[in-house]
Amino acid sequence: MIKVYTSTVIEAPAEQVWGRIRDFNGLPNWTPFVADSRIEGGQPSDRIGCVRNFRLKDGGMIREQLLTLSDYDFQCSYSILESPMGVDNYVATLKLTPVTDGNRTFAEWWAEFDCAPDREGPLARDIGQGVFQAAFDSLKTLMRR
């Protein structure tokens, strides 16, 4: 099992950042790579166990299940049910922590998963930089507006 970890500081209060990312169905609103998303079965997007089905701008389809959601801790976890990435047992957590010095947010996103040994390096880079960091960069831009 490998672990990918990415962190950043966002120049906005944690409550505001959480308000932007809390919606499990809201990836198209704050990431640069998701074209559209829907919650299967018409469930609320904050119900533990709900499944989001989204299409990437490159055409790939991914299904993820919400495992935890805490408004108190500004944290959510999810698993990948289906994706073109070739990962198994994928569980990711996105967590925000208030930075009281300057009213900023420390954001962390990490994932653990299994994959073929020859895919570990490329997947770690693709997920860490192409997904997590790209989403953080987009979020930082949005929060400045």
C-alpha atoms as a PDB file:
ATOM      1  CA  MET A   1       0.000   0.000   0.000  1.00  0.00           C
ATOM      2  CA  ILE A   2       1.324   3.448  -0.858  1.00  0.00           C
ATOM      3  CA  LYS A   3       0.403   6.818   0.592  1.00  0.00           C
ATOM      4  CA  VAL A   4       0.225  10.132  -1.251  1.00  0.00           C
ATOM      5  CA  TYR A   5       0.166  13.321   0.831  1.00  0.00           C
ATOM      6  CA  THR A   6      -0.253  16.950  -0.278  1.00  0.00           C
ATOM      7  CA  SER A   7      -0.707  20.078   1.843  1.00  0.00           C
ATOM      8  CA  THR A   8      -1.035  23.809   1.322  1.00  0.00           C
ATOM      9  CA  VAL A   9      -2.048  27.051   3.004  1.00  0.00           C
ATOM     10  CA  ILE A  10      -5.094  28.870   1.657  1.00  0.00           C
ATOM     11  CA  GLU A  11      -5.513  32.589   2.307  1.00  0.00           C
ATOM     12  CA  ALA A  12      -9.088  32.335   3.591  1.00  0.00           C
ATOM     13  CA  PRO A  13     -10.800  31.238   6.820  1.00  0.00           C
ATOM     14  CA  ALA A  14     -11.387  27.489   7.180  1.00  0.00           C
ATOM     15  CA  GLU A  15     -15.168  28.007   7.425  1.00  0.00           C
ATOM     16  CA  GLN A  16     -15.208  29.689   4.011  1.00  0.00           C
ATOM     17  CA  VAL A  17     -12.991  27.055   2.411  1.00  0.00           C
ATOM     18  CA  TRP A  18     -15.115  24.264   3.908  1.00  0.00           C
ATOM     19  CA  GLY A  19     -18.228  25.970   2.556  1.00  0.00           C
ATOM     20  CA  ARG A  20     -16.729  25.664  -0.920  1.00  0.00           C
ATOM     21  CA  ILE A  21     -15.587  22.022  -0.723  1.00  0.00           C
ATOM     22  CA  ARG A  22     -18.102  20.405   1.677  1.00  0.00           C
ATOM     23  CA  ASP A  23     -20.542  19.398  -1.075  1.00  0.00           C
ATOM     24  CA  PHE A  24     -19.495  15.875  -2.090  1.00  0.00           C
ATOM     25  CA  ASN A  25     -21.093  16.530  -5.474  1.00  0.00           C
ATOM     26  CA  GLY A  26     -19.389  19.917  -5.945  1.00  0.00           C
ATOM     27  CA  LEU A  27     -16.074  18.929  -7.567  1.00  0.00           C
ATOM     28  CA  PRO A  28     -16.914  20.714 -10.848  1.00  0.00           C
ATOM     29  CA  ASN A  29     -17.214  23.960  -8.856  1.00  0.00           C
ATOM     30  CA  TRP A  30     -13.663  23.968  -7.485  1.00  0.00           C
ATOM     31  CA  THR A  31     -11.463  21.526  -9.379  1.00  0.00           C
ATOM     32  CA  PRO A  32     -10.025  22.121 -12.857  1.00  0.00           C
ATOM     33  CA  PHE A  33     -10.381  18.523 -14.074  1.00  0.00           C
ATOM     34  CA  VAL A  34     -14.004  17.470 -13.336  1.00  0.00           C
ATOM     35  CA  ALA A  35     -16.540  18.153 -16.084  1.00  0.00           C
ATOM     36  CA  ASP A  36     -19.728  17.068 -14.297  1.00  0.00           C
ATOM     37  CA  SER A  37     -20.886  15.080 -11.296  1.00  0.00           C
ATOM     38  CA  ARG A  38     -24.035  13.504  -9.910  1.00  0.00           C
ATOM     39  CA  ILE A  39     -25.017  11.658  -6.754  1.00  0.00           C
ATOM     40  CA  GLU A  40     -26.459   8.260  -7.584  1.00  0.00           C
ATOM     41  CA  GLY A  41     -29.964   7.380  -6.433  1.00  0.00           C
ATOM     42  CA  GLY A  42     -30.937  10.979  -5.712  1.00  0.00           C
ATOM     43  CA  GLN A  43     -29.415  10.865  -2.226  1.00  0.00           C
ATOM     44  CA  PRO A  44     -28.250  14.045  -0.475  1.00  0.00           C
ATOM     45  CA  SER A  45     -24.591  14.831  -1.182  1.00  0.00           C
ATOM     46  CA  ASP A  46     -23.770  14.908   2.543  1.00  0.00           C
ATOM     47  CA  ARG A  47     -25.196  11.474   3.401  1.00  0.00           C
ATOM     48  CA  ILE A  48     -22.543   8.990   4.494  1.00  0.00           C
ATOM     49  CA  GLY A  49     -22.547   6.187   1.958  1.00  0.00           C
ATOM     50  CA  CYS A  50     -23.723   8.263  -0.993  1.00  0.00           C
ATOM     51  CA  VAL A  51     -21.926   7.646  -4.289  1.00  0.00           C
ATOM     52  CA  ARG A  52     -20.758  10.392  -6.615  1.00  0.00           C
ATOM     53  CA  ASN A  53     -20.346   9.520 -10.241  1.00  0.00           C
ATOM     54  CA  PHE A  54     -18.294  12.066 -12.140  1.00  0.00           C
ATOM     55  CA  ARG A  55     -16.766  12.588 -15.547  1.00  0.00           C
ATOM     56  CA  LEU A  56     -13.307  14.028 -15.946  1.00  0.00           C
ATOM     57  CA  LYS A  57     -12.639  16.612 -18.627  1.00  0.00           C
ATOM     58  CA  ASP A  58     -10.456  14.010 -20.384  1.00  0.00           C
ATOM     59  CA  GLY A  59     -13.496  11.701 -20.560  1.00  0.00           C
ATOM     60  CA  GLY A  60     -12.643   9.282 -17.730  1.00  0.00           C
ATOM     61  CA  MET A  61     -15.417   8.213 -15.361  1.00  0.00           C
ATOM     62  CA  ILE A  62     -14.947   7.753 -11.601  1.00  0.00           C
ATOM     63  CA  ARG A  63     -17.301   6.549  -8.865  1.00  0.00           C
ATOM     64  CA  GLU A  64     -16.502   7.400  -5.236  1.00  0.00           C
ATOM     65  CA  GLN A  65     -18.318   6.718  -1.977  1.00  0.00           C
ATOM     66  CA  LEU A  66     -18.472   9.169   0.927  1.00  0.00           C
ATOM     67  CA  LEU A  67     -17.158   7.450   4.065  1.00  0.00           C
ATOM     68  CA  THR A  68     -17.024  10.303   6.604  1.00  0.00           C
ATOM     69  CA  LEU A  69     -18.060  13.946   6.729  1.00  0.00           C
ATOM     70  CA  SER A  70     -17.444  16.191   9.732  1.00  0.00           C
ATOM     71  CA  ASP A  71     -18.457  19.838   9.776  1.00  0.00           C
ATOM     72  CA  TYR A  72     -16.832  20.098  13.211  1.00  0.00           C
ATOM     73  CA  ASP A  73     -13.437  18.810  12.013  1.00  0.00           C
ATOM     74  CA  PHE A  74     -13.699  20.219   8.443  1.00  0.00           C
ATOM     75  CA  GLN A  75     -12.880  16.750   7.155  1.00  0.00           C
ATOM     76  CA  CYS A  76     -14.216  14.138   4.773  1.00  0.00           C
ATOM     77  CA  SER A  77     -13.054  10.716   3.600  1.00  0.00           C
ATOM     78  CA  TYR A  78     -14.058   8.743   0.548  1.00  0.00           C
ATOM     79  CA  SER A  79     -13.184   5.591  -1.344  1.00  0.00           C
ATOM     80  CA  ILE A  80     -12.902   4.929  -5.052  1.00  0.00           C
ATOM     81  CA  LEU A  81     -15.338   2.291  -6.246  1.00  0.00           C
ATOM     82  CA  GLU A  82     -14.463   2.487  -9.962  1.00  0.00           C
ATOM     83  CA  SER A  83     -11.855   4.422 -11.923  1.00  0.00           C
ATOM     84  CA  PRO A  84      -9.556   4.099 -14.931  1.00  0.00           C
ATOM     85  CA  MET A  85      -6.476   4.629 -12.705  1.00  0.00           C
ATOM     86  CA  GLY A  86      -5.810   0.999 -11.812  1.00  0.00           C
ATOM     87  CA  VAL A  87      -5.970   1.412  -8.023  1.00  0.00           C
ATOM     88  CA  ASP A  88      -7.447  -0.875  -5.373  1.00  0.00           C
ATOM     89  CA  ASN A  89      -8.439  -0.200  -1.755  1.00  0.00           C
ATOM     90  CA  TYR A  90      -8.197   3.554  -2.396  1.00  0.00           C
ATOM     91  CA  VAL A  91      -9.240   5.698   0.570  1.00  0.00           C
ATOM     92  CA  ALA A  92      -8.603   9.448   0.669  1.00  0.00           C
ATOM     93  CA  THR A  93      -9.102  12.127   3.312  1.00  0.00           C
ATOM     94  CA  LEU A  94      -9.360  15.877   2.840  1.00  0.00           C
ATOM     95  CA  LYS A  95      -8.905  17.923   6.030  1.00  0.00           C
ATOM     96  CA  LEU A  96      -8.865  21.631   6.783  1.00  0.00           C
ATOM     97  CA  THR A  97      -7.355  23.178   9.910  1.00  0.00           C
ATOM     98  CA  PRO A  98      -7.815  26.836  10.854  1.00  0.00           C
ATOM     99  CA  VAL A  99      -4.589  28.857  10.987  1.00  0.00           C
ATOM    100  CA  THR A 100      -5.363  31.571  13.517  1.00  0.00           C
ATOM    101  CA  ASP A 101      -2.346  33.667  12.545  1.00  0.00           C
ATOM    102  CA  GLY A 102      -3.818  35.593   9.642  1.00  0.00           C
ATOM    103  CA  ASN A 103      -7.136  33.708   9.516  1.00  0.00           C
ATOM    104  CA  ARG A 104      -5.858  31.227   6.928  1.00  0.00           C
ATOM    105  CA  THR A 105      -6.440  27.523   6.331  1.00  0.00           C
ATOM    106  CA  PHE A 106      -3.999  24.630   6.395  1.00  0.00           C
ATOM    107  CA  ALA A 107      -5.356  22.064   3.921  1.00  0.00           C
ATOM    108  CA  GLU A 108      -4.236  18.447   3.750  1.00  0.00           C
ATOM    109  CA  TRP A 109      -5.257  15.734   1.322  1.00  0.00           C
ATOM    110  CA  TRP A 110      -3.941  12.219   1.428  1.00  0.00           C
ATOM    111  CA  ALA A 111      -4.750   8.837  -0.033  1.00  0.00           C
ATOM    112  CA  GLU A 112      -3.660   5.261   0.502  1.00  0.00           C
ATOM    113  CA  PHE A 113      -4.125   2.599  -2.133  1.00  0.00           C
ATOM    114  CA  ASP A 114      -2.770  -0.546  -3.728  1.00  0.00           C
ATOM    115  CA  CYS A 115      -1.577  -0.736  -7.315  1.00  0.00           C
ATOM    116  CA  ALA A 116       0.856  -2.639  -9.506  1.00  0.00           C
ATOM    117  CA  PRO A 117       4.425  -1.995  -8.280  1.00  0.00           C
ATOM    118  CA  ASP A 118       5.508  -0.473 -11.593  1.00  0.00           C
ATOM    119  CA  ARG A 119       2.623   2.043 -11.340  1.00  0.00           C
ATOM    120  CA  GLU A 120       3.424   3.341  -7.829  1.00  0.00           C
ATOM    121  CA  GLY A 121       5.671   6.246  -8.874  1.00  0.00           C
ATOM    122  CA  PRO A 122       3.544   7.501 -11.776  1.00  0.00           C
ATOM    123  CA  LEU A 123       0.296   7.201  -9.791  1.00  0.00           C
ATOM    124  CA  ALA A 124       1.790   8.942  -6.749  1.00  0.00           C
ATOM    125  CA  ARG A 125       2.832  11.864  -9.004  1.00  0.00           C
ATOM    126  CA  ASP A 126      -0.454  11.934 -10.927  1.00  0.00           C
ATOM    127  CA  ILE A 127      -2.584  11.902  -7.781  1.00  0.00           C
ATOM    128  CA  GLY A 128      -0.360  14.140  -5.654  1.00  0.00           C
ATOM    129  CA  GLN A 129       0.303  16.813  -8.275  1.00  0.00           C
ATOM    130  CA  GLY A 130      -2.300  16.260 -10.990  1.00  0.00           C
ATOM    131  CA  VAL A 131      -5.246  15.848  -8.633  1.00  0.00           C
ATOM    132  CA  PHE A 132      -4.604  17.085  -5.092  1.00  0.00           C
ATOM    133  CA  GLN A 133      -2.239  19.991  -5.824  1.00  0.00           C
ATOM    134  CA  ALA A 134      -4.140  21.019  -8.972  1.00  0.00           C
ATOM    135  CA  ALA A 135      -7.365  21.131  -6.943  1.00  0.00           C
ATOM    136  CA  PHE A 136      -5.680  23.120  -4.154  1.00  0.00           C
ATOM    137  CA  ASP A 137      -4.284  25.613  -6.683  1.00  0.00           C
ATOM    138  CA  SER A 138      -7.731  26.062  -8.212  1.00  0.00           C
ATOM    139  CA  LEU A 139      -9.271  26.452  -4.766  1.00  0.00           C
ATOM    140  CA  LYS A 140      -6.714  29.105  -3.778  1.00  0.00           C
ATOM    141  CA  THR A 141      -7.599  31.111  -6.887  1.00  0.00           C
ATOM    142  CA  LEU A 142     -11.335  30.796  -6.233  1.00  0.00           C
ATOM    143  CA  MET A 143     -10.989  31.862  -2.583  1.00  0.00           C
ATOM    144  CA  ARG A 144      -9.200  35.078  -3.615  1.00  0.00           C
ATOM    145  CA  ARG A 145     -12.214  36.237  -5.623  1.00  0.00           C
END
